[in-house]
């Protein structure tokens, strides 16, 4: 039985423990700015008080105290494996998937469209809200936990493979951020707890890209099948060879992003990626499989939000007419994987897209024949993309092969551009079945018929680059971040901007998202420096690698 003296000793330590909780909570939860209200902290502390009081009560009346000598001030630290699982699972949440991936990026490149005014990419309208949420949520949750993962994985040599995967995945995460905003917190991001940096500087994008290149290389070099496995890996179940290919393909993507602004560095980075080895088979695809029958947190976040927000029945989001017209013009069999009517009908002749840049009133002004009614306009396919167990796709062999085909045309690597192009199309079509099962199956005959058009063989070099850019747009459908980034880099496909009344950039497709308004009150000096380096915080400002 616990002695009264011991009870009093623990009780007297309560204020000290609560003070320690305050010191831990504030740096850990306030990544770079005060994003949680003080009253919420006090609520957490009150809960902890209640829990500790209950625990002490139980200790008084309990009979087994085999654990009583454990130091309550030294909690056991979490292993890196669960942190890797968390950062992979939370890379795309429901809100981010719906609002940024689809409602912003896919609509900016006209893969998707909406008559609603709360989808900023369609009309370049009120873009600040989603931009605020993406920035704040990514840094306060994803980057914070990724930084924790990096610290834990660096603590012991036995975690070298996890550290390698962590470095590669960190480059993936930060590329998304910097591609959306330009200059962003990078070198000091997520260090509120470890280094008490609550107002991180904004690194310029050139510096970020050069460091990401090094991080991927360092990560790949750490991967060794003879060392302890990668625990908690939802992508490849710890397969070292597939992680190396993922690293090589990510390095290729990073390198090609610099094609216009730093061609020499781009060429060298492409060569380094090829040396490492890149994705070559459809089975190398990087995706996260979801559980449609389990807890909501494990369901496909985009599909769950679509159903929860009644997006299908309310006709809130449709396939963009520009994208649909291209699929139909080229008789692309991926149309029956990407698109369906609300009842699941995937017949080719019944698929129609919605023109971008209109609302429920102005759609009457759309060109004659361009709008066939919302009921007759295609959705994302409800039996593939919008299934609750549909995977989230991060990087595909098809996009890797298309980038290699482009690199060959630029004389940056060896190979045959036309062969790589055909391999890319074949891979993209095969990837659909890997992702969505029999509902995504495209037959060999359909693939051969599509390739028989020989779209690339009769084109000149400029036309070939355009065709590759258009195919990249099709292959990366549902990965709007990448479609939007590659369009800004290449200018393909050629898109006609919308001109909606009240737009933030009428007649000009936005080239970045604005910084959160909160940053101007919490971290203003660093935001101001970023704007001085990059240009005004406007949606029409071009980020470093986007020189067009």
Protein backbone atom coordinates (compact mmCIF):
# COMPACT_ATOMS: atom_id res chain seq x y z
CA UNK A 1 0.00 0.00 0.00
CA UNK A 2 1.25 3.46 -0.88
CA UNK A 3 2.42 5.29 2.24
CA UNK A 4 0.76 8.62 3.04
CA UNK A 5 4.20 10.26 2.97
CA UNK A 6 4.78 9.05 -0.57
CA UNK A 7 1.35 10.32 -1.60
CA UNK A 8 2.14 13.75 -0.20
CA UNK A 9 5.48 13.82 -2.03
CA UNK A 10 3.77 13.17 -5.37
CA UNK A 11 1.02 15.69 -4.58
CA UNK A 12 3.58 18.37 -3.75
CA UNK A 13 5.24 17.79 -7.12
CA UNK A 14 1.99 18.51 -8.98
CA UNK A 15 2.65 22.26 -9.52
CA UNK A 16 6.12 21.44 -10.85
CA UNK A 17 4.68 18.86 -13.24
CA UNK A 18 2.04 21.27 -14.49
CA UNK A 19 4.68 23.90 -15.10
CA UNK A 20 6.63 21.36 -17.09
CA UNK A 21 3.49 20.54 -19.10
CA UNK A 22 3.16 24.24 -19.95
CA UNK A 23 6.78 24.37 -21.09
CA UNK A 24 6.33 21.29 -23.23
CA UNK A 25 2.95 22.11 -24.71
CA UNK A 26 3.64 25.63 -25.82
CA UNK A 27 6.79 24.97 -27.89
CA UNK A 28 5.46 21.69 -29.28
CA UNK A 29 2.07 22.95 -30.33
CA UNK A 30 3.09 26.47 -31.29
CA UNK A 31 5.27 25.59 -34.20
CA UNK A 32 6.11 29.02 -35.51
CA UNK A 33 3.24 31.12 -34.32
CA UNK A 34 0.45 31.09 -31.74
CA UNK A 35 -2.06 28.97 -33.59
CA UNK A 36 -3.96 27.69 -30.56
CA UNK A 37 -5.83 29.94 -28.15
CA UNK A 38 -4.63 30.19 -24.58
CA UNK A 39 -7.97 28.93 -23.30
CA UNK A 40 -7.39 25.67 -25.18
CA UNK A 41 -4.05 25.23 -23.43
CA UNK A 42 -5.75 25.84 -20.09
CA UNK A 43 -8.38 23.26 -21.01
CA UNK A 44 -5.63 20.72 -21.71
CA UNK A 45 -3.95 21.56 -18.39
CA UNK A 46 -7.23 21.21 -16.51
CA UNK A 47 -7.75 17.82 -18.09
CA UNK A 48 -4.26 16.80 -17.03
CA UNK A 49 -5.00 17.97 -13.48
CA UNK A 50 -8.09 15.79 -13.42
CA UNK A 51 -6.22 12.83 -14.87
CA UNK A 52 -3.43 13.17 -12.33
CA UNK A 53 -5.87 13.46 -9.46
CA UNK A 54 -7.66 10.34 -10.65
CA UNK A 55 -4.34 8.55 -11.03
CA UNK A 56 -3.29 9.46 -7.49
CA UNK A 57 -6.62 8.22 -6.15
CA UNK A 58 -6.16 4.93 -7.94
CA UNK A 59 -2.64 4.65 -6.56
CA UNK A 60 -3.95 4.98 -2.98
CA UNK A 61 -6.43 2.14 -3.37
CA UNK A 62 -4.49 -0.12 -5.72
CA UNK A 63 -2.78 -3.30 -4.51
CA UNK A 64 -0.15 -3.78 -7.27
CA UNK A 65 2.58 -1.13 -7.43
CA UNK A 66 5.24 -2.87 -9.50
CA UNK A 67 5.61 0.28 -11.62
CA UNK A 68 5.62 2.83 -8.78
CA UNK A 69 9.37 3.51 -8.95
CA UNK A 70 9.25 4.79 -12.57
CA UNK A 71 10.24 8.45 -12.72
CA UNK A 72 7.05 10.39 -13.67
CA UNK A 73 9.19 13.26 -14.96
CA UNK A 74 10.90 11.09 -17.61
CA UNK A 75 8.26 9.75 -20.01
CA UNK A 76 9.27 7.09 -22.49
CA UNK A 77 9.93 8.67 -25.90
CA UNK A 78 8.11 7.47 -28.99
CA UNK A 79 9.89 5.34 -31.57
CA UNK A 80 10.35 6.85 -35.06
CA UNK A 81 8.23 4.17 -36.78
CA UNK A 82 4.83 5.45 -35.56
CA UNK A 83 5.89 8.99 -36.44
CA UNK A 84 6.64 7.89 -40.00
CA UNK A 85 3.20 6.27 -40.15
CA UNK A 86 1.59 9.48 -38.90
CA UNK A 87 3.32 11.79 -41.38
CA UNK A 88 2.47 9.48 -44.28
CA UNK A 89 -1.17 9.10 -43.24
CA UNK A 90 -1.64 12.81 -42.55
CA UNK A 91 0.11 14.16 -45.65
CA UNK A 92 -3.32 14.60 -47.19
CA UNK A 93 -6.25 15.34 -44.88
CA UNK A 94 -9.83 15.69 -46.02
CA UNK A 95 -9.86 19.47 -45.91
CA UNK A 96 -6.55 19.86 -47.71
CA UNK A 97 -7.49 17.29 -50.36
CA UNK A 98 -10.83 18.95 -51.11
CA UNK A 99 -9.78 22.58 -50.81
CA UNK A 100 -6.20 22.70 -52.13
CA UNK A 101 -5.69 19.58 -54.22
CA UNK A 102 -9.05 19.81 -56.00
CA UNK A 103 -10.66 23.18 -55.20
CA UNK A 104 -7.50 25.13 -55.96
CA UNK A 105 -4.81 23.27 -57.93
CA UNK A 106 -6.94 21.02 -60.15
CA UNK A 107 -9.29 23.88 -60.93
CA UNK A 108 -6.47 26.28 -61.76
CA UNK A 109 -5.35 23.87 -64.50
CA UNK A 110 -8.98 23.17 -65.51
CA UNK A 111 -9.02 19.45 -64.66
CA UNK A 112 -11.99 20.21 -62.42
CA UNK A 113 -14.65 22.93 -62.33
CA UNK A 114 -17.43 24.25 -60.11
CA UNK A 115 -20.29 26.71 -60.21
CA UNK A 116 -19.82 27.35 -56.49
CA UNK A 117 -17.99 30.44 -55.26
CA UNK A 118 -16.12 28.58 -52.50
CA UNK A 119 -13.81 26.81 -54.96
CA UNK A 120 -11.13 29.49 -55.49
CA UNK A 121 -9.21 27.80 -58.31
CA UNK A 122 -12.16 27.86 -60.66
CA UNK A 123 -12.63 31.65 -60.67
CA UNK A 124 -9.42 32.88 -58.94
CA UNK A 125 -11.76 34.13 -56.26
CA UNK A 126 -11.20 34.53 -52.49
CA UNK A 127 -8.05 32.42 -52.55
CA UNK A 128 -6.76 33.58 -49.16
CA UNK A 129 -8.90 31.28 -47.02
CA UNK A 130 -7.69 27.95 -48.39
CA UNK A 131 -4.15 29.29 -48.65
CA UNK A 132 -4.26 30.14 -44.93
CA UNK A 133 -5.53 26.70 -43.98
CA UNK A 134 -3.00 24.77 -46.07
CA UNK A 135 -0.04 26.72 -44.70
CA UNK A 136 -1.16 26.61 -41.06
CA UNK A 137 -2.27 22.97 -41.04
CA UNK A 138 0.82 21.72 -42.84
CA UNK A 139 3.29 23.48 -40.56
CA UNK A 140 1.48 23.04 -37.25
CA UNK A 141 0.83 19.32 -37.77
CA UNK A 142 2.70 17.67 -40.62
CA UNK A 143 6.02 19.52 -40.51
CA UNK A 144 6.04 19.56 -36.71
CA UNK A 145 5.69 15.78 -36.61
CA UNK A 146 8.09 15.28 -39.51
CA UNK A 147 10.73 17.30 -37.60
CA UNK A 148 10.10 15.12 -34.54
CA UNK A 149 10.55 12.07 -36.77
CA UNK A 150 13.83 13.45 -38.08
CA UNK A 151 15.11 14.03 -34.53
CA UNK A 152 14.16 10.54 -33.37
CA UNK A 153 15.53 8.83 -36.47
CA UNK A 154 18.83 10.71 -36.05
CA UNK A 155 19.24 9.57 -32.44
CA UNK A 156 20.56 6.07 -33.12
CA UNK A 157 22.43 4.40 -35.99
CA UNK A 158 19.93 1.54 -35.94
CA UNK A 159 17.39 3.94 -37.43
CA UNK A 160 19.54 4.76 -40.48
CA UNK A 161 17.00 3.38 -42.97
CA UNK A 162 14.15 5.29 -41.35
CA UNK A 163 16.32 8.41 -41.39
CA UNK A 164 16.96 7.88 -45.10
CA UNK A 165 13.23 7.59 -45.81
CA UNK A 166 12.60 10.61 -43.57
CA UNK A 167 14.99 12.82 -45.53
CA UNK A 168 13.43 11.79 -48.83
CA UNK A 169 9.89 12.29 -47.53
CA UNK A 170 10.81 15.65 -46.04
CA UNK A 171 11.94 16.84 -49.47
CA UNK A 172 8.61 15.71 -50.89
CA UNK A 173 6.67 17.67 -48.27
CA UNK A 174 8.68 20.85 -48.56
CA UNK A 175 8.58 20.78 -52.37
CA UNK A 176 4.79 20.96 -52.16
CA UNK A 177 4.98 23.93 -49.81
CA UNK A 178 7.56 25.93 -51.74
CA UNK A 179 5.88 25.18 -55.08
CA UNK A 180 2.62 26.63 -53.73
CA UNK A 181 3.99 29.76 -52.01
CA UNK A 182 7.59 30.30 -53.14
CA UNK A 183 9.79 31.38 -50.22
CA UNK A 184 8.69 29.51 -47.09
CA UNK A 185 10.02 28.53 -43.66
CA UNK A 186 12.42 25.65 -44.29
CA UNK A 187 15.70 25.50 -42.38
CA UNK A 188 14.07 26.74 -39.15
CA UNK A 189 10.63 25.17 -39.63
CA UNK A 190 9.37 22.88 -36.88
CA UNK A 191 12.13 23.83 -34.44
CA UNK A 192 9.98 25.55 -31.83
CA UNK A 193 10.48 22.73 -29.34
CA UNK A 194 14.09 21.77 -30.05
CA UNK A 195 15.60 25.19 -30.65
CA UNK A 196 12.88 27.56 -29.38
CA UNK A 197 12.50 29.12 -32.83
CA UNK A 198 8.92 30.36 -32.88
CA UNK A 199 9.29 32.86 -35.72
CA UNK A 200 11.19 30.97 -38.42
CA UNK A 201 12.80 32.78 -41.29
CA UNK A 202 11.55 32.30 -44.84
CA UNK A 203 14.27 30.66 -46.94
CA UNK A 204 14.39 31.70 -50.57
CA UNK A 205 13.28 29.05 -53.02
CA UNK A 206 16.64 28.68 -54.71
CA UNK A 207 18.23 27.76 -51.38
CA UNK A 208 15.39 25.37 -50.59
CA UNK A 209 15.67 23.56 -53.90
CA UNK A 210 19.42 23.14 -53.65
CA UNK A 211 19.09 21.74 -50.15
CA UNK A 212 16.24 19.40 -51.14
CA UNK A 213 18.50 17.95 -53.83
CA UNK A 214 21.13 17.23 -51.19
CA UNK A 215 18.58 15.85 -48.73
CA UNK A 216 17.29 13.32 -51.26
CA UNK A 217 20.82 12.22 -52.15
CA UNK A 218 21.73 11.88 -48.47
CA UNK A 219 18.54 9.96 -47.83
CA UNK A 220 19.17 7.49 -50.64
CA UNK A 221 22.76 6.97 -49.48
CA UNK A 222 21.51 6.00 -46.02
CA UNK A 223 19.26 3.25 -47.37
CA UNK A 224 20.79 -0.19 -46.91
CA UNK A 225 18.93 -3.51 -46.97
CA UNK A 226 21.45 -4.98 -44.52
CA UNK A 227 20.46 -2.50 -41.79
CA UNK A 228 17.34 -2.66 -39.58
CA UNK A 229 14.08 -2.33 -41.50
CA UNK A 230 11.93 0.76 -41.95
CA UNK A 231 9.19 0.35 -39.37
CA UNK A 232 5.78 1.96 -39.83
CA UNK A 233 6.08 2.42 -43.60
CA UNK A 234 2.63 2.60 -45.21
CA UNK A 235 3.97 3.12 -48.74
CA UNK A 236 6.35 0.25 -49.43
CA UNK A 237 6.26 -1.82 -46.24
CA UNK A 238 9.95 -1.10 -45.73
CA UNK A 239 11.09 -2.19 -49.22
CA UNK A 240 14.52 -0.51 -49.51
CA UNK A 241 14.80 -0.89 -53.28
CA UNK A 242 11.43 0.78 -53.85
CA UNK A 243 12.39 3.61 -51.50
CA UNK A 244 15.56 4.14 -53.53
CA UNK A 245 13.53 4.31 -56.74
CA UNK A 246 11.12 6.71 -55.09
CA UNK A 247 14.09 8.87 -54.07
CA UNK A 248 15.51 8.77 -57.60
CA UNK A 249 12.16 9.69 -59.17
CA UNK A 250 11.64 12.51 -56.67
CA UNK A 251 15.13 13.81 -57.45
CA UNK A 252 14.26 13.71 -61.15
CA UNK A 253 11.08 15.70 -60.47
CA UNK A 254 13.02 18.26 -58.42
CA UNK A 255 15.68 18.56 -61.09
CA UNK A 256 13.25 19.02 -63.97
CA UNK A 257 11.47 21.75 -62.03
CA UNK A 258 14.63 23.83 -62.56
CA UNK A 259 14.70 23.36 -66.33
CA UNK A 260 14.04 27.01 -67.14
CA UNK A 261 15.71 28.83 -64.25
CA UNK A 262 18.87 26.74 -63.69
CA UNK A 263 19.34 24.37 -66.66
CA UNK A 264 22.89 23.33 -65.72
CA UNK A 265 21.84 22.30 -62.23
CA UNK A 266 18.73 20.64 -63.68
CA UNK A 267 20.84 18.59 -66.10
CA UNK A 268 23.22 17.45 -63.36
CA UNK A 269 20.35 16.57 -61.04
CA UNK A 270 18.69 14.51 -63.78
CA UNK A 271 21.96 12.64 -64.31
CA UNK A 272 22.23 11.97 -60.57
CA UNK A 273 18.66 10.68 -60.47
CA UNK A 274 19.30 8.30 -63.35
CA UNK A 275 22.44 7.03 -61.59
CA UNK A 276 20.45 6.33 -58.42
CA UNK A 277 17.72 4.58 -60.39
CA UNK A 278 14.11 5.64 -60.89
CA UNK A 279 10.70 4.02 -61.02
CA UNK A 280 10.47 1.74 -64.03
CA UNK A 281 7.45 -0.54 -63.51
CA UNK A 282 3.82 0.32 -62.69
CA UNK A 283 4.24 -1.59 -59.41
CA UNK A 284 6.79 1.03 -58.24
CA UNK A 285 3.96 3.56 -57.80
CA UNK A 286 3.99 5.42 -54.48
CA UNK A 287 0.52 5.35 -52.97
CA UNK A 288 -1.22 5.03 -49.64
CA UNK A 289 -4.04 2.51 -49.44
CA UNK A 290 -7.05 3.37 -47.31
CA UNK A 291 -9.58 1.29 -45.39
CA UNK A 292 -13.09 2.13 -46.50
CA UNK A 293 -14.77 0.10 -43.77
CA UNK A 294 -12.72 1.25 -40.79
CA UNK A 295 -12.50 4.46 -38.83
CA UNK A 296 -13.04 7.71 -40.70
CA UNK A 297 -9.38 8.63 -40.21
CA UNK A 298 -8.38 5.61 -42.33
CA UNK A 299 -10.76 6.27 -45.22
CA UNK A 300 -9.68 8.09 -48.34
CA UNK A 301 -9.77 11.71 -47.13
CA UNK A 302 -10.99 13.19 -50.41
CA UNK A 303 -13.72 10.60 -50.86
CA UNK A 304 -14.84 10.93 -47.25
CA UNK A 305 -15.14 14.71 -47.52
CA UNK A 306 -17.04 14.40 -50.80
CA UNK A 307 -19.58 12.12 -49.17
CA UNK A 308 -19.71 13.99 -45.88
CA UNK A 309 -20.20 17.34 -47.65
CA UNK A 310 -22.69 15.84 -50.13
CA UNK A 311 -20.58 17.00 -53.07
CA UNK A 312 -21.81 14.33 -55.46
CA UNK A 313 -25.55 14.84 -55.05
CA UNK A 314 -25.18 18.64 -54.86
CA UNK A 315 -23.08 18.75 -58.07
CA UNK A 316 -20.46 20.87 -56.29
CA UNK A 317 -17.43 19.67 -58.29
CA UNK A 318 -17.31 18.40 -61.85
CA UNK A 319 -14.71 17.37 -64.41
CA UNK A 320 -13.44 20.47 -66.21
CA UNK A 321 -14.54 20.88 -69.83
CA UNK A 322 -10.98 21.65 -70.98
CA UNK A 323 -9.75 18.36 -69.52
CA UNK A 324 -12.73 16.36 -70.73
CA UNK A 325 -12.45 17.73 -74.26
CA UNK A 326 -8.80 16.63 -74.43
CA UNK A 327 -9.64 13.11 -73.24
CA UNK A 328 -12.40 12.82 -75.84
CA UNK A 329 -10.35 14.34 -78.64
CA UNK A 330 -7.57 11.80 -78.10
CA UNK A 331 -10.04 8.96 -77.37
CA UNK A 332 -8.26 8.32 -74.09
CA UNK A 333 -9.46 5.13 -72.32
CA UNK A 334 -8.54 6.65 -68.94
CA UNK A 335 -11.80 8.59 -69.31
CA UNK A 336 -13.78 5.65 -67.89
CA UNK A 337 -11.44 5.48 -64.87
CA UNK A 338 -11.42 9.21 -64.14
CA UNK A 339 -15.02 10.14 -65.00
CA UNK A 340 -18.58 8.99 -64.41
CA UNK A 341 -22.07 10.38 -64.06
CA UNK A 342 -23.64 10.41 -60.60
CA UNK A 343 -25.16 6.97 -61.20
CA UNK A 344 -21.76 5.51 -62.10
CA UNK A 345 -22.31 5.51 -65.88
CA UNK A 346 -18.93 5.63 -67.66
CA UNK A 347 -20.07 5.42 -71.29
CA UNK A 348 -17.72 7.49 -73.44
CA UNK A 349 -20.41 9.44 -75.31
CA UNK A 350 -22.23 10.41 -72.11
CA UNK A 351 -19.28 12.15 -70.46
CA UNK A 352 -19.25 15.97 -70.56
CA UNK A 353 -17.22 18.58 -68.71
CA UNK A 354 -18.15 21.83 -67.01
CA UNK A 355 -16.60 25.07 -68.32
CA UNK A 356 -14.50 26.94 -65.77
CA UNK A 357 -15.11 30.48 -64.56
CA UNK A 358 -18.90 30.55 -64.15
CA UNK A 359 -21.37 30.51 -61.27
CA UNK A 360 -24.98 29.32 -61.20
CA UNK A 361 -26.14 32.63 -62.70
CA UNK A 362 -23.41 33.46 -65.22
CA UNK A 363 -23.35 29.93 -66.67
CA UNK A 364 -26.19 31.13 -68.85
CA UNK A 365 -23.61 33.31 -70.63
CA UNK A 366 -21.35 30.35 -71.48
CA UNK A 367 -20.84 29.66 -75.21
CA UNK A 368 -23.69 27.80 -76.80
CA UNK A 369 -23.40 24.05 -76.36
CA UNK A 370 -20.64 24.22 -73.75
CA UNK A 371 -22.96 23.53 -70.79
CA UNK A 372 -25.24 20.49 -70.89
CA UNK A 373 -26.68 20.84 -67.37
CA UNK A 374 -25.18 19.70 -64.08
CA UNK A 375 -27.07 16.40 -64.10
CA UNK A 376 -25.45 15.51 -67.43
CA UNK A 377 -21.96 16.68 -66.46
CA UNK A 378 -19.36 14.18 -65.27
CA UNK A 379 -18.08 13.78 -61.73
CA UNK A 380 -14.90 12.16 -60.52
CA UNK A 381 -15.66 8.47 -61.03
CA UNK A 382 -17.68 7.34 -58.02
CA UNK A 383 -16.49 3.71 -58.39
CA UNK A 384 -12.77 4.46 -58.55
CA UNK A 385 -11.48 7.84 -57.38
CA UNK A 386 -14.33 8.50 -54.94
CA UNK A 387 -14.42 5.09 -53.29
CA UNK A 388 -13.69 5.27 -49.57
CA UNK A 389 -10.90 2.73 -50.01
CA UNK A 390 -9.37 4.47 -53.03
CA UNK A 391 -5.65 5.12 -52.55
CA UNK A 392 -3.97 8.49 -52.26
CA UNK A 393 -1.34 8.66 -55.01
CA UNK A 394 1.90 10.59 -54.49
CA UNK A 395 4.30 9.74 -57.34
CA UNK A 396 3.97 7.47 -60.37
CA UNK A 397 6.31 5.71 -62.80
CA UNK A 398 4.35 7.26 -65.69
CA UNK A 399 5.27 10.81 -64.69
CA UNK A 400 8.88 9.68 -64.21
CA UNK A 401 9.02 8.31 -67.76
CA UNK A 402 7.46 11.47 -69.19
CA UNK A 403 10.08 13.59 -67.43
CA UNK A 404 12.80 11.32 -68.80
CA UNK A 405 11.35 11.69 -72.31
CA UNK A 406 11.53 15.46 -71.91
CA UNK A 407 15.09 15.21 -70.58
CA UNK A 408 16.07 13.20 -73.67
CA UNK A 409 14.63 15.93 -75.94
CA UNK A 410 16.76 18.45 -74.01
CA UNK A 411 19.85 16.22 -74.48
CA UNK A 412 20.21 15.84 -70.72
CA UNK A 413 20.14 12.05 -70.67
CA UNK A 414 20.37 9.11 -73.02
CA UNK A 415 17.40 7.25 -74.43
CA UNK A 416 14.66 7.41 -77.03
CA UNK A 417 12.00 10.00 -76.28
CA UNK A 418 9.31 8.24 -78.30
CA UNK A 419 9.94 4.90 -76.59
CA UNK A 420 9.85 6.55 -73.17
CA UNK A 421 6.67 8.37 -74.11
CA UNK A 422 4.93 5.13 -75.09
CA UNK A 423 6.20 3.42 -71.93
CA UNK A 424 4.82 6.32 -69.91
CA UNK A 425 1.35 6.04 -71.47
CA UNK A 426 1.33 2.28 -71.00
CA UNK A 427 2.45 2.64 -67.40
CA UNK A 428 -0.19 5.27 -66.65
CA UNK A 429 -2.93 3.04 -67.96
CA UNK A 430 -1.62 0.01 -66.07
CA UNK A 431 -1.35 2.08 -62.90
CA UNK A 432 -5.11 2.57 -62.90
CA UNK A 433 -5.75 -1.11 -62.23
CA UNK A 434 -3.09 -1.16 -59.50
CA UNK A 435 -4.78 1.79 -57.85
CA UNK A 436 -8.46 0.94 -58.36
CA UNK A 437 -8.66 -2.78 -59.10
CA UNK A 438 -10.90 -4.17 -61.83
CA UNK A 439 -12.86 -0.88 -62.03
CA UNK A 440 -9.64 0.78 -63.20
CA UNK A 441 -8.60 -1.88 -65.68
CA UNK A 442 -7.62 -0.71 -69.17
CA UNK A 443 -7.08 -3.57 -71.61
CA UNK A 444 -3.98 -4.14 -73.69
CA UNK A 445 -6.10 -3.62 -76.81
CA UNK A 446 -7.23 -0.21 -75.58
CA UNK A 447 -3.64 0.76 -74.85
CA UNK A 448 -2.43 -0.37 -78.27
CA UNK A 449 -5.26 1.50 -80.02
CA UNK A 450 -4.39 4.67 -78.16
CA UNK A 451 -0.66 4.40 -78.90
CA UNK A 452 -1.40 3.73 -82.58
CA UNK A 453 -2.28 7.42 -82.95
CA UNK A 454 1.49 8.08 -82.84
CA UNK A 455 0.96 11.52 -81.39
CA UNK A 456 4.68 12.06 -80.85
CA UNK A 457 6.24 10.48 -83.95
CA UNK A 458 5.31 13.16 -86.51
CA UNK A 459 5.81 16.20 -84.26
CA UNK A 460 8.76 18.61 -84.20
CA UNK A 461 10.72 19.13 -80.99
CA UNK A 462 8.53 21.97 -79.70
CA UNK A 463 5.37 20.02 -80.46
CA UNK A 464 6.81 16.98 -78.71
CA UNK A 465 7.42 19.00 -75.57
CA UNK A 466 3.82 20.19 -75.72
CA UNK A 467 2.46 16.65 -76.14
CA UNK A 468 4.58 15.41 -73.22
CA UNK A 469 3.33 18.31 -71.11
CA UNK A 470 -0.28 17.51 -71.99
CA UNK A 471 0.20 13.85 -71.17
CA UNK A 472 1.77 14.79 -67.84
CA UNK A 473 -1.41 16.78 -67.13
CA UNK A 474 -3.50 13.68 -67.86
CA UNK A 475 -1.26 11.22 -65.98
CA UNK A 476 -1.15 13.35 -62.82
CA UNK A 477 -4.93 13.81 -62.69
CA UNK A 478 -6.06 13.72 -59.03
CA UNK A 479 -2.58 14.90 -57.97
CA UNK A 480 -3.39 18.54 -58.54
CA UNK A 481 -0.26 19.85 -56.82
CA UNK A 482 1.92 18.27 -59.49
CA UNK A 483 -0.35 19.11 -62.42
CA UNK A 484 -0.36 22.78 -61.36
CA UNK A 485 3.41 22.89 -60.79
CA UNK A 486 4.30 21.32 -64.13
CA UNK A 487 1.89 23.60 -66.01
CA UNK A 488 3.64 26.65 -64.52
CA UNK A 489 7.04 25.26 -65.49
CA UNK A 490 6.24 24.21 -69.06
CA UNK A 491 3.20 26.27 -70.06
CA UNK A 492 1.48 23.05 -71.18
CA UNK A 493 -1.32 22.43 -71.71
CA UNK A 494 -2.15 25.81 -73.18
CA UNK A 495 -5.04 27.09 -71.09
CA UNK A 496 -7.41 30.01 -71.61
CA UNK A 497 -7.77 31.97 -68.32
CA UNK A 498 -11.20 32.69 -66.89
CA UNK A 499 -12.41 36.24 -66.30
CA UNK A 500 -14.84 36.19 -63.41
CA UNK A 501 -16.13 39.37 -61.79
CA UNK A 502 -14.38 39.88 -58.45
CA UNK A 503 -11.46 37.63 -59.39
CA UNK A 504 -8.09 38.25 -57.73
CA UNK A 505 -6.45 38.03 -61.17
CA UNK A 506 -9.03 38.51 -63.93
CA UNK A 507 -7.82 37.03 -67.21
CA UNK A 508 -4.58 35.71 -65.66
CA UNK A 509 -4.19 32.24 -64.11
CA UNK A 510 -2.66 32.63 -60.61
CA UNK A 511 0.91 31.40 -60.27
CA UNK A 512 1.09 31.04 -56.48
CA UNK A 513 -1.00 31.30 -53.33
CA UNK A 514 -0.73 34.20 -50.86
CA UNK A 515 0.78 33.84 -47.39
CA UNK A 516 -1.60 33.46 -44.43
CA UNK A 517 -2.85 36.73 -42.98
CA UNK A 518 -1.90 35.51 -39.50
CA UNK A 519 1.75 35.45 -40.47
CA UNK A 520 1.66 39.22 -40.93
CA UNK A 521 0.78 39.72 -37.27
CA UNK A 522 2.85 36.89 -35.80
CA UNK A 523 5.93 36.64 -38.03
CA UNK A 524 5.76 39.89 -40.02
CA UNK A 525 9.47 40.70 -40.23
CA UNK A 526 10.25 37.39 -41.89
CA UNK A 527 7.25 37.59 -44.23
CA UNK A 528 8.25 41.10 -45.27
CA UNK A 529 11.75 39.86 -46.06
CA UNK A 530 10.30 37.05 -48.16
CA UNK A 531 8.21 39.53 -50.13
CA UNK A 532 11.20 41.81 -50.68
CA UNK A 533 13.16 38.88 -52.12
CA UNK A 534 10.37 37.28 -54.13
CA UNK A 535 8.00 40.09 -55.04
CA UNK A 536 4.66 41.28 -53.79
CA UNK A 537 2.48 38.77 -51.96
CA UNK A 538 0.07 38.46 -54.89
CA UNK A 539 -1.32 35.46 -56.70
CA UNK A 540 0.23 36.70 -59.95
CA UNK A 541 3.80 36.91 -58.60
CA UNK A 542 6.05 34.26 -60.15
CA UNK A 543 8.08 32.05 -57.82
CA UNK A 544 11.80 31.55 -58.48
CA UNK A 545 11.69 28.58 -60.84
CA UNK A 546 8.65 29.88 -62.73
CA UNK A 547 10.39 32.46 -64.90
CA UNK A 548 7.71 32.70 -67.61
